[in-house]
Every structure is written in structure tokens, then in C-alpha cells.
Protein backbone atom coordinates (compact mmCIF):
# COMPACT_ATOMS: atom_id res chain seq x y z
CA MET A 1 25.18 -19.63 223.87
CA ASN A 2 24.09 -21.99 221.09
CA THR A 3 20.90 -23.42 222.59
CA SER A 4 17.43 -22.90 221.30
CA LEU A 5 14.70 -21.47 223.49
CA PRO A 6 12.78 -24.79 223.83
CA GLU A 7 16.02 -26.59 224.73
CA ALA A 8 16.85 -23.96 227.35
CA GLY A 9 13.31 -24.25 228.73
CA ARG A 10 13.62 -28.04 229.10
CA TYR A 11 16.96 -27.62 230.87
CA LEU A 12 15.50 -25.02 233.23
CA ALA A 13 12.46 -27.21 233.98
CA ARG A 14 14.64 -30.27 234.63
CA THR A 15 16.96 -28.28 236.92
CA LEU A 16 14.05 -26.70 238.79
CA THR A 17 12.37 -30.09 239.26
CA GLN A 18 15.58 -31.64 240.58
CA THR A 19 16.12 -28.71 242.96
CA LEU A 20 12.58 -28.86 244.32
CA ARG A 21 12.79 -32.61 244.83
CA LEU A 22 16.02 -32.25 246.78
CA MET A 23 14.51 -29.45 248.88
CA VAL A 24 11.67 -31.68 250.06
CA GLY A 25 13.82 -34.78 250.39
CA VAL A 26 12.79 -36.79 247.35
CA PRO A 27 15.89 -38.49 245.95
CA ASP A 28 16.67 -38.26 242.23
CA TYR A 29 16.82 -41.83 240.92
CA ASP A 30 17.74 -40.83 237.34
CA THR A 31 20.81 -38.94 238.58
CA TYR A 32 21.81 -41.95 240.69
CA VAL A 33 21.50 -44.35 237.73
CA SER A 34 23.47 -42.00 235.48
CA HIS A 35 26.20 -41.72 238.12
CA MET A 36 26.37 -45.50 238.57
CA ARG A 37 26.63 -46.15 234.83
CA THR A 38 29.34 -43.52 234.39
CA THR A 39 31.40 -44.02 237.53
CA HIS A 40 30.75 -47.65 238.49
CA PRO A 41 29.88 -49.54 235.28
CA GLU A 42 30.79 -52.89 236.85
CA GLN A 43 28.04 -52.53 239.51
CA GLU A 44 24.33 -53.01 238.91
CA PRO A 45 22.28 -49.97 240.06
CA MET A 46 19.67 -50.57 242.76
CA SER A 47 16.04 -50.81 241.75
CA TYR A 48 13.95 -47.69 242.33
CA GLU A 49 12.30 -49.31 245.35
CA ALA A 50 15.64 -50.30 246.93
CA PHE A 51 17.08 -46.85 246.18
CA PHE A 52 14.09 -45.11 247.75
CA ARG A 53 14.27 -47.30 250.89
CA GLU A 54 18.01 -46.71 251.21
CA ARG A 55 17.57 -42.93 250.90
CA GLN A 56 14.77 -42.94 253.48
CA GLN A 57 16.94 -44.97 255.84
CA ALA A 58 19.83 -42.55 255.35
CA ARG A 59 17.62 -39.54 256.00
CA TYR A 60 15.43 -40.74 258.85
CA GLY A 61 17.49 -43.54 260.36
CA GLY A 62 16.22 -46.89 261.51
CA GLY A 63 15.80 -46.32 265.24
CA ALA A 64 13.15 -44.65 267.31
CA GLY A 65 12.80 -40.89 267.09
CA ARG A 66 15.18 -38.83 269.16
CA CYS A 67 14.56 -35.72 271.14
CA CYS A 68 18.07 -34.29 270.90
């Protein structure tokens, strides 16, 4: 492994932050933008606000709460 200790620490911190955000349901906008630029360069990424609203909609839905 050819990484320095500070570099490995930054990687670990970034990975831990991303994992914790996903655990509590906070979407990772930076990962989304990176994916869009790499995979879909012809499309403009959503703004952070639009991305956040879309992720909330996907998670919680748009209708009234359901029992079952």
C-alpha cells in the first residue's frame, strides 16, 4: 500500500462520513454529481436543492402516510 498516513486518514474520514449520511438517509450530492459527469456527461446535474427534494420524494413518497 503506497498511501501516506494523512491520505489514508482522509479516505477513512470521507468513507465514514458517506456511510453515516446514508445510514440516516442524507443523500450524497457530491457522489451524484461525480456519477453524472462520468456516466452522463451530456446531461446537466440537478441543483443541490432539486436533488435533495427528489431524494426526499423517493424516500418518503408524495402521498399521505400509510399504516401498512
